Amino acid sequence: MALEEGSLAPDFTLTSDSGETVSLADLRGKPVVLYFYPKDDTPGCTAQACGIRDAWGDFERAGAVVLGVSPDGEDSHAKFKEKYDLPFTLLADTDHAVADAYDVWVEKSYSGKNYMGVERSTFVIDADGDLAKVFRNVKPDEHADQVLEALSR
């Protein structure tokens, strides 16, 4: 069952790029941008992350906590974050449990082969922990602008 806008966002606890534990419940009172991406340091994922980085001042003015989530581990996240000077937290969902909870761990196809992976998706979670906006099949180049527009509502 797909998550719908207005419903409670599934809680989670994951390890960050710095080895710290991050729980959604601990972020209540602030809007959270939770974005799922397939893999660190790949063209689309880099464009998406750098788009957020380049608009970071706008995200800060909106008071948003930005969390990027992929199946990559903490070390990969730390290298990706350092390489592109990303000012937000990346979370390791190595067993894709959070991706499953948000219904973004899906069957994909590439070069005639099917495999399971992350569907690039973003969830804007309001200060009460509810899903304010859901973006599926996100286009990396348009992502930051779309999310900022949702945060301004």
N, C-alpha and C. Protein backbone atom coordinates (compact mmCIF):
# COMPACT_ATOMS: atom_id res chain seq x y z
N MET A 1 0.84 -1.18 0.00
CA MET A 1 0.00 0.00 0.00
C MET A 1 0.89 1.25 0.00
N ALA A 2 0.68 2.10 -0.96
CA ALA A 2 1.48 3.32 -1.08
C ALA A 2 1.10 4.31 0.02
N LEU A 3 2.09 5.02 0.49
CA LEU A 3 1.85 6.05 1.49
C LEU A 3 1.15 7.24 0.85
N GLU A 4 0.22 7.82 1.58
CA GLU A 4 -0.54 8.94 1.04
C GLU A 4 -0.25 10.21 1.82
N GLU A 5 -0.36 11.33 1.13
CA GLU A 5 -0.21 12.62 1.78
C GLU A 5 -1.28 12.74 2.86
N GLY A 6 -0.87 13.26 4.02
CA GLY A 6 -1.76 13.39 5.15
C GLY A 6 -1.64 12.27 6.16
N SER A 7 -1.05 11.14 5.75
CA SER A 7 -0.87 10.03 6.68
C SER A 7 0.41 10.22 7.50
N LEU A 8 0.49 9.50 8.60
CA LEU A 8 1.66 9.57 9.47
C LEU A 8 2.86 8.93 8.77
N ALA A 9 3.99 9.63 8.78
CA ALA A 9 5.21 9.09 8.18
C ALA A 9 5.74 7.93 9.03
N PRO A 10 6.13 6.82 8.41
CA PRO A 10 6.69 5.72 9.19
C PRO A 10 7.96 6.16 9.93
N ASP A 11 8.02 5.84 11.21
CA ASP A 11 9.21 6.19 11.99
C ASP A 11 10.35 5.26 11.61
N PHE A 12 11.56 5.69 11.86
CA PHE A 12 12.75 4.88 11.58
C PHE A 12 13.90 5.38 12.43
N THR A 13 14.90 4.54 12.53
CA THR A 13 16.18 4.90 13.14
C THR A 13 17.26 4.32 12.25
N LEU A 14 18.16 5.17 11.76
CA LEU A 14 19.25 4.76 10.88
C LEU A 14 20.55 5.40 11.34
N THR A 15 21.66 4.87 10.83
CA THR A 15 22.98 5.43 11.14
C THR A 15 23.37 6.40 10.05
N SER A 16 23.94 7.54 10.46
CA SER A 16 24.31 8.60 9.52
C SER A 16 25.73 8.40 8.99
N ASP A 17 26.09 9.29 8.06
CA ASP A 17 27.42 9.29 7.46
C ASP A 17 28.52 9.52 8.50
N SER A 18 28.15 10.10 9.66
CA SER A 18 29.13 10.35 10.72
C SER A 18 29.07 9.30 11.83
N GLY A 19 28.23 8.28 11.64
CA GLY A 19 28.13 7.21 12.62
C GLY A 19 27.11 7.47 13.71
N GLU A 20 26.42 8.61 13.65
CA GLU A 20 25.41 8.93 14.66
C GLU A 20 24.08 8.27 14.30
N THR A 21 23.26 8.05 15.31
CA THR A 21 21.94 7.48 15.11
C THR A 21 20.94 8.61 14.90
N VAL A 22 20.11 8.48 13.87
CA VAL A 22 19.09 9.49 13.56
C VAL A 22 17.73 8.80 13.55
N SER A 23 16.80 9.33 14.34
CA SER A 23 15.42 8.82 14.38
C SER A 23 14.47 9.92 13.95
N LEU A 24 13.50 9.55 13.12
CA LEU A 24 12.52 10.53 12.67
C LEU A 24 11.77 11.12 13.86
N ALA A 25 11.44 10.30 14.85
CA ALA A 25 10.68 10.78 16.01
C ALA A 25 11.41 11.91 16.73
N ASP A 26 12.73 11.89 16.70
CA ASP A 26 13.52 12.93 17.38
C ASP A 26 13.47 14.27 16.65
N LEU A 27 12.96 14.29 15.44
CA LEU A 27 12.94 15.51 14.62
C LEU A 27 11.58 16.20 14.61
N ARG A 28 10.64 15.70 15.41
CA ARG A 28 9.32 16.33 15.48
C ARG A 28 9.48 17.79 15.84
N GLY A 29 8.61 18.62 15.27
CA GLY A 29 8.67 20.05 15.52
C GLY A 29 9.35 20.80 14.38
N LYS A 30 9.97 20.05 13.45
CA LYS A 30 10.63 20.65 12.29
C LYS A 30 10.16 19.91 11.03
N PRO A 31 10.09 20.62 9.91
CA PRO A 31 9.81 19.89 8.67
C PRO A 31 11.04 19.07 8.28
N VAL A 32 10.79 17.88 7.74
CA VAL A 32 11.87 16.98 7.32
C VAL A 32 11.69 16.67 5.84
N VAL A 33 12.79 16.78 5.10
CA VAL A 33 12.82 16.35 3.70
C VAL A 33 13.58 15.03 3.70
N LEU A 34 12.86 13.95 3.45
CA LEU A 34 13.44 12.61 3.42
C LEU A 34 13.49 12.17 1.97
N TYR A 35 14.71 12.12 1.43
CA TYR A 35 14.79 11.73 0.02
C TYR A 35 15.59 10.45 -0.14
N PHE A 36 15.02 9.56 -0.94
CA PHE A 36 15.62 8.26 -1.22
C PHE A 36 16.27 8.31 -2.59
N TYR A 37 17.49 7.82 -2.67
CA TYR A 37 18.21 7.80 -3.94
C TYR A 37 18.93 6.46 -4.07
N PRO A 38 19.19 6.02 -5.31
CA PRO A 38 19.74 4.67 -5.51
C PRO A 38 21.17 4.44 -5.04
N LYS A 39 22.10 5.36 -5.35
CA LYS A 39 23.51 5.03 -5.08
C LYS A 39 24.37 6.28 -5.02
N ASP A 40 25.29 6.29 -4.05
CA ASP A 40 26.23 7.40 -3.92
C ASP A 40 27.09 7.55 -5.17
N ASP A 41 27.42 8.81 -5.48
CA ASP A 41 28.42 9.15 -6.50
C ASP A 41 28.11 8.59 -7.89
N THR A 42 26.83 8.53 -8.24
CA THR A 42 26.42 8.19 -9.59
C THR A 42 25.82 9.46 -10.21
N PRO A 43 25.75 9.56 -11.52
CA PRO A 43 25.38 10.85 -12.15
C PRO A 43 24.06 11.45 -11.64
N GLY A 44 22.98 10.70 -11.67
CA GLY A 44 21.69 11.26 -11.24
C GLY A 44 21.66 11.60 -9.76
N CYS A 45 22.24 10.72 -8.96
CA CYS A 45 22.24 10.94 -7.51
C CYS A 45 23.12 12.12 -7.13
N THR A 46 24.22 12.29 -7.85
CA THR A 46 25.10 13.43 -7.60
C THR A 46 24.40 14.73 -7.99
N ALA A 47 23.72 14.74 -9.14
CA ALA A 47 22.99 15.93 -9.57
C ALA A 47 21.92 16.29 -8.55
N GLN A 48 21.22 15.30 -8.04
CA GLN A 48 20.17 15.54 -7.06
C GLN A 48 20.75 16.12 -5.77
N ALA A 49 21.80 15.50 -5.25
CA ALA A 49 22.42 15.97 -4.00
C ALA A 49 23.01 17.36 -4.16
N CYS A 50 23.66 17.60 -5.29
CA CYS A 50 24.27 18.92 -5.50
C CYS A 50 23.22 20.00 -5.72
N GLY A 51 22.07 19.64 -6.26
CA GLY A 51 20.97 20.60 -6.38
C GLY A 51 20.50 21.07 -5.02
N ILE A 52 20.40 20.14 -4.08
CA ILE A 52 20.03 20.51 -2.71
C ILE A 52 21.14 21.36 -2.09
N ARG A 53 22.37 20.93 -2.28
CA ARG A 53 23.51 21.69 -1.74
C ARG A 53 23.49 23.13 -2.25
N ASP A 54 23.26 23.29 -3.54
CA ASP A 54 23.31 24.62 -4.15
C ASP A 54 22.16 25.52 -3.67
N ALA A 55 21.08 24.91 -3.21
CA ALA A 55 19.94 25.69 -2.70
C ALA A 55 19.87 25.61 -1.18
N TRP A 56 20.98 25.25 -0.54
CA TRP A 56 20.99 25.00 0.89
C TRP A 56 20.46 26.18 1.72
N GLY A 57 20.80 27.39 1.35
CA GLY A 57 20.31 28.56 2.09
C GLY A 57 18.79 28.60 2.14
N ASP A 58 18.15 28.23 1.04
CA ASP A 58 16.69 28.21 0.99
C ASP A 58 16.12 27.12 1.90
N PHE A 59 16.78 25.97 1.93
CA PHE A 59 16.33 24.89 2.82
C PHE A 59 16.48 25.32 4.28
N GLU A 60 17.58 25.99 4.59
CA GLU A 60 17.79 26.48 5.97
C GLU A 60 16.73 27.50 6.34
N ARG A 61 16.42 28.43 5.43
CA ARG A 61 15.40 29.44 5.71
C ARG A 61 14.03 28.80 5.94
N ALA A 62 13.79 27.67 5.28
CA ALA A 62 12.52 26.95 5.48
C ALA A 62 12.52 26.16 6.78
N GLY A 63 13.68 26.10 7.44
CA GLY A 63 13.78 25.37 8.71
C GLY A 63 13.77 23.87 8.56
N ALA A 64 14.04 23.39 7.36
CA ALA A 64 13.94 21.95 7.06
C ALA A 64 15.20 21.18 7.44
N VAL A 65 14.98 19.98 7.93
CA VAL A 65 16.05 19.00 8.11
C VAL A 65 16.04 18.14 6.85
N VAL A 66 17.17 18.05 6.17
CA VAL A 66 17.26 17.25 4.95
C VAL A 66 18.03 15.97 5.25
N LEU A 67 17.43 14.84 4.88
CA LEU A 67 18.04 13.54 5.08
C LEU A 67 18.01 12.77 3.76
N GLY A 68 19.18 12.40 3.27
CA GLY A 68 19.28 11.55 2.08
C GLY A 68 19.46 10.11 2.52
N VAL A 69 18.74 9.19 1.88
CA VAL A 69 18.77 7.78 2.27
C VAL A 69 19.05 6.91 1.05
N SER A 70 20.03 6.02 1.18
CA SER A 70 20.28 5.03 0.14
C SER A 70 20.77 3.74 0.81
N PRO A 71 20.84 2.65 0.05
CA PRO A 71 21.32 1.39 0.62
C PRO A 71 22.84 1.37 0.86
N ASP A 72 23.55 2.40 0.45
CA ASP A 72 24.99 2.45 0.67
C ASP A 72 25.30 2.55 2.16
N GLY A 73 26.50 2.12 2.55
CA GLY A 73 26.92 2.15 3.94
C GLY A 73 27.46 3.50 4.37
N GLU A 74 27.78 3.59 5.66
CA GLU A 74 28.25 4.84 6.25
C GLU A 74 29.52 5.36 5.58
N ASP A 75 30.48 4.47 5.29
CA ASP A 75 31.75 4.90 4.68
C ASP A 75 31.53 5.50 3.29
N SER A 76 30.68 4.85 2.51
CA SER A 76 30.36 5.36 1.18
C SER A 76 29.71 6.74 1.29
N HIS A 77 28.77 6.87 2.23
CA HIS A 77 28.10 8.15 2.44
C HIS A 77 29.10 9.24 2.85
N ALA A 78 30.01 8.89 3.74
CA ALA A 78 30.98 9.89 4.22
C ALA A 78 31.85 10.39 3.06
N LYS A 79 32.28 9.49 2.18
CA LYS A 79 33.10 9.88 1.02
C LYS A 79 32.30 10.73 0.05
N PHE A 80 31.06 10.35 -0.22
CA PHE A 80 30.18 11.09 -1.12
C PHE A 80 29.93 12.51 -0.58
N LYS A 81 29.64 12.58 0.70
CA LYS A 81 29.37 13.87 1.35
C LYS A 81 30.59 14.78 1.28
N GLU A 82 31.76 14.23 1.56
CA GLU A 82 32.99 15.03 1.54
C GLU A 82 33.35 15.46 0.12
N LYS A 83 33.23 14.55 -0.83
CA LYS A 83 33.61 14.83 -2.22
C LYS A 83 32.83 16.01 -2.79
N TYR A 84 31.53 16.09 -2.46
CA TYR A 84 30.67 17.14 -3.02
C TYR A 84 30.29 18.21 -2.01
N ASP A 85 30.91 18.20 -0.84
CA ASP A 85 30.67 19.21 0.19
C ASP A 85 29.18 19.34 0.49
N LEU A 86 28.54 18.20 0.77
CA LEU A 86 27.11 18.19 1.03
C LEU A 86 26.85 18.62 2.48
N PRO A 87 25.98 19.61 2.71
CA PRO A 87 25.76 20.14 4.05
C PRO A 87 24.68 19.42 4.85
N PHE A 88 24.14 18.33 4.33
CA PHE A 88 23.04 17.62 5.00
C PHE A 88 23.46 16.18 5.30
N THR A 89 22.66 15.51 6.07
CA THR A 89 22.96 14.17 6.56
C THR A 89 22.53 13.10 5.56
N LEU A 90 23.39 12.10 5.39
CA LEU A 90 23.08 10.93 4.58
C LEU A 90 22.92 9.74 5.52
N LEU A 91 21.90 8.93 5.29
CA LEU A 91 21.59 7.80 6.15
C LEU A 91 21.76 6.48 5.42
N ALA A 92 22.34 5.50 6.13
CA ALA A 92 22.60 4.18 5.57
C ALA A 92 21.42 3.25 5.85
N ASP A 93 20.76 2.83 4.79
CA ASP A 93 19.62 1.89 4.87
C ASP A 93 20.06 0.60 4.18
N THR A 94 21.10 -0.02 4.71
CA THR A 94 21.76 -1.15 4.03
C THR A 94 20.85 -2.36 3.87
N ASP A 95 19.89 -2.54 4.75
CA ASP A 95 18.96 -3.68 4.60
C ASP A 95 17.66 -3.25 3.94
N HIS A 96 17.62 -2.03 3.45
CA HIS A 96 16.47 -1.39 2.78
C HIS A 96 15.16 -1.50 3.56
N ALA A 97 15.23 -1.59 4.87
CA ALA A 97 14.02 -1.67 5.69
C ALA A 97 13.21 -0.38 5.64
N VAL A 98 13.90 0.76 5.65
CA VAL A 98 13.20 2.04 5.59
C VAL A 98 12.64 2.26 4.18
N ALA A 99 13.41 1.89 3.17
CA ALA A 99 12.91 1.98 1.79
C ALA A 99 11.66 1.12 1.64
N ASP A 100 11.65 -0.06 2.26
CA ASP A 100 10.45 -0.91 2.24
C ASP A 100 9.28 -0.20 2.92
N ALA A 101 9.54 0.39 4.09
CA ALA A 101 8.48 1.06 4.85
C ALA A 101 7.86 2.21 4.07
N TYR A 102 8.67 2.87 3.26
CA TYR A 102 8.18 4.00 2.46
C TYR A 102 7.78 3.58 1.04
N ASP A 103 7.79 2.27 0.81
CA ASP A 103 7.35 1.70 -0.47
C ASP A 103 8.16 2.21 -1.66
N VAL A 104 9.48 2.35 -1.46
CA VAL A 104 10.34 2.80 -2.56
C VAL A 104 11.38 1.73 -2.94
N TRP A 105 11.34 0.55 -2.31
CA TRP A 105 12.19 -0.57 -2.70
C TRP A 105 11.37 -1.37 -3.70
N VAL A 106 11.69 -1.21 -4.98
CA VAL A 106 10.84 -1.71 -6.05
C VAL A 106 11.64 -2.50 -7.08
N GLU A 107 10.92 -3.25 -7.90
CA GLU A 107 11.57 -3.96 -9.00
C GLU A 107 11.87 -2.95 -10.10
N LYS A 108 13.10 -2.99 -10.58
CA LYS A 108 13.54 -2.09 -11.63
C LYS A 108 14.08 -2.92 -12.79
N SER A 109 14.29 -2.27 -13.91
CA SER A 109 14.80 -2.97 -15.08
C SER A 109 15.87 -2.11 -15.75
N TYR A 110 16.97 -2.75 -16.12
CA TYR A 110 18.04 -2.05 -16.82
C TYR A 110 18.71 -3.03 -17.77
N SER A 111 18.82 -2.66 -19.02
CA SER A 111 19.44 -3.51 -20.05
C SER A 111 18.83 -4.91 -20.07
N GLY A 112 17.51 -4.96 -19.93
CA GLY A 112 16.81 -6.24 -20.02
C GLY A 112 16.88 -7.10 -18.77
N LYS A 113 17.51 -6.59 -17.72
CA LYS A 113 17.61 -7.36 -16.47
C LYS A 113 16.76 -6.70 -15.40
N ASN A 114 16.06 -7.53 -14.65
CA ASN A 114 15.25 -7.03 -13.54
C ASN A 114 16.02 -7.18 -12.25
N TYR A 115 15.86 -6.23 -11.36
CA TYR A 115 16.53 -6.26 -10.06
C TYR A 115 15.75 -5.37 -9.10
N MET A 116 16.03 -5.52 -7.82
CA MET A 116 15.38 -4.69 -6.80
C MET A 116 16.28 -3.50 -6.50
N GLY A 117 15.66 -2.33 -6.33
CA GLY A 117 16.42 -1.12 -6.03
C GLY A 117 15.52 0.00 -5.57
N VAL A 118 16.13 1.14 -5.29
CA VAL A 118 15.41 2.30 -4.78
C VAL A 118 14.80 3.09 -5.93
N GLU A 119 13.51 3.39 -5.80
CA GLU A 119 12.83 4.31 -6.70
C GLU A 119 13.08 5.71 -6.14
N ARG A 120 13.72 6.56 -6.94
CA ARG A 120 14.06 7.91 -6.48
C ARG A 120 12.77 8.64 -6.08
N SER A 121 12.64 8.88 -4.78
CA SER A 121 11.41 9.44 -4.22
C SER A 121 11.75 10.37 -3.06
N THR A 122 10.86 11.34 -2.82
CA THR A 122 11.06 12.28 -1.73
C THR A 122 9.76 12.46 -0.96
N PHE A 123 9.92 12.55 0.36
CA PHE A 123 8.79 12.74 1.26
C PHE A 123 9.05 13.99 2.08
N VAL A 124 8.14 14.96 1.99
CA VAL A 124 8.20 16.14 2.84
C VAL A 124 7.29 15.85 4.02
N ILE A 125 7.91 15.83 5.21
CA ILE A 125 7.20 15.47 6.44
C ILE A 125 7.05 16.73 7.28
N ASP A 126 5.81 17.02 7.69
CA ASP A 126 5.59 18.25 8.44
C ASP A 126 6.04 18.12 9.89
N ALA A 127 5.94 19.20 10.64
CA ALA A 127 6.44 19.24 12.01
C ALA A 127 5.71 18.25 12.93
N ASP A 128 4.51 17.82 12.53
CA ASP A 128 3.73 16.86 13.33
C ASP A 128 4.04 15.42 12.96
N GLY A 129 4.89 15.22 11.94
CA GLY A 129 5.24 13.86 11.53
C GLY A 129 4.35 13.29 10.45
N ASP A 130 3.54 14.14 9.83
CA ASP A 130 2.65 13.69 8.76
C ASP A 130 3.27 13.96 7.39
N LEU A 131 2.90 13.14 6.42
CA LEU A 131 3.39 13.33 5.05
C LEU A 131 2.67 14.51 4.41
N ALA A 132 3.40 15.60 4.20
CA ALA A 132 2.82 16.80 3.61
C ALA A 132 2.85 16.71 2.08
N LYS A 133 3.88 16.07 1.53
CA LYS A 133 4.01 15.97 0.07
C LYS A 133 4.82 14.72 -0.24
N VAL A 134 4.39 14.00 -1.28
CA VAL A 134 5.09 12.80 -1.74
C VAL A 134 5.45 13.00 -3.20
N PHE A 135 6.73 12.84 -3.51
CA PHE A 135 7.23 12.92 -4.89
C PHE A 135 7.76 11.54 -5.27
N ARG A 136 7.20 10.93 -6.31
CA ARG A 136 7.66 9.63 -6.81
C ARG A 136 8.39 9.85 -8.14
N ASN A 137 9.31 8.96 -8.44
CA ASN A 137 10.07 9.03 -9.70
C ASN A 137 10.62 10.43 -9.95
N VAL A 138 11.34 10.92 -8.97
CA VAL A 138 11.88 12.28 -8.99
C VAL A 138 12.90 12.47 -10.12
N LYS A 139 12.83 13.61 -10.76
CA LYS A 139 13.85 14.02 -11.75
C LYS A 139 14.93 14.77 -11.00
N PRO A 140 16.17 14.29 -11.01
CA PRO A 140 17.23 14.90 -10.20
C PRO A 140 17.41 16.40 -10.41
N ASP A 141 17.30 16.86 -11.65
CA ASP A 141 17.57 18.27 -11.93
C ASP A 141 16.48 19.21 -11.43
N GLU A 142 15.27 18.71 -11.23
CA GLU A 142 14.14 19.54 -10.80
C GLU A 142 13.84 19.39 -9.31
N HIS A 143 14.50 18.45 -8.69
CA HIS A 143 14.17 18.03 -7.33
C HIS A 143 14.17 19.16 -6.31
N ALA A 144 15.26 19.88 -6.19
CA ALA A 144 15.38 20.91 -5.14
C ALA A 144 14.28 21.95 -5.26
N ASP A 145 14.01 22.41 -6.48
CA ASP A 145 12.98 23.44 -6.67
C ASP A 145 11.60 22.93 -6.27
N GLN A 146 11.28 21.68 -6.64
CA GLN A 146 9.98 21.11 -6.29
C GLN A 146 9.81 20.99 -4.78
N VAL A 147 10.85 20.53 -4.12
CA VAL A 147 10.79 20.36 -2.66
C VAL A 147 10.66 21.71 -1.97
N LEU A 148 11.43 22.69 -2.41
CA LEU A 148 11.33 24.03 -1.81
C LEU A 148 9.94 24.60 -1.98
N GLU A 149 9.33 24.38 -3.13
CA GLU A 149 7.98 24.87 -3.35
C GLU A 149 7.01 24.20 -2.37
N ALA A 150 7.17 22.90 -2.15
CA ALA A 150 6.31 22.18 -1.21
C ALA A 150 6.53 22.68 0.22
N LEU A 151 7.76 23.02 0.57
CA LEU A 151 8.04 23.52 1.91
C LEU A 151 7.45 24.90 2.16
N SER A 152 7.25 25.68 1.09
CA SER A 152 6.76 27.04 1.25
C SER A 152 5.24 27.10 1.41
N ARG A 153 4.57 25.98 1.25
CA ARG A 153 3.10 25.95 1.35
C ARG A 153 2.64 25.95 2.78
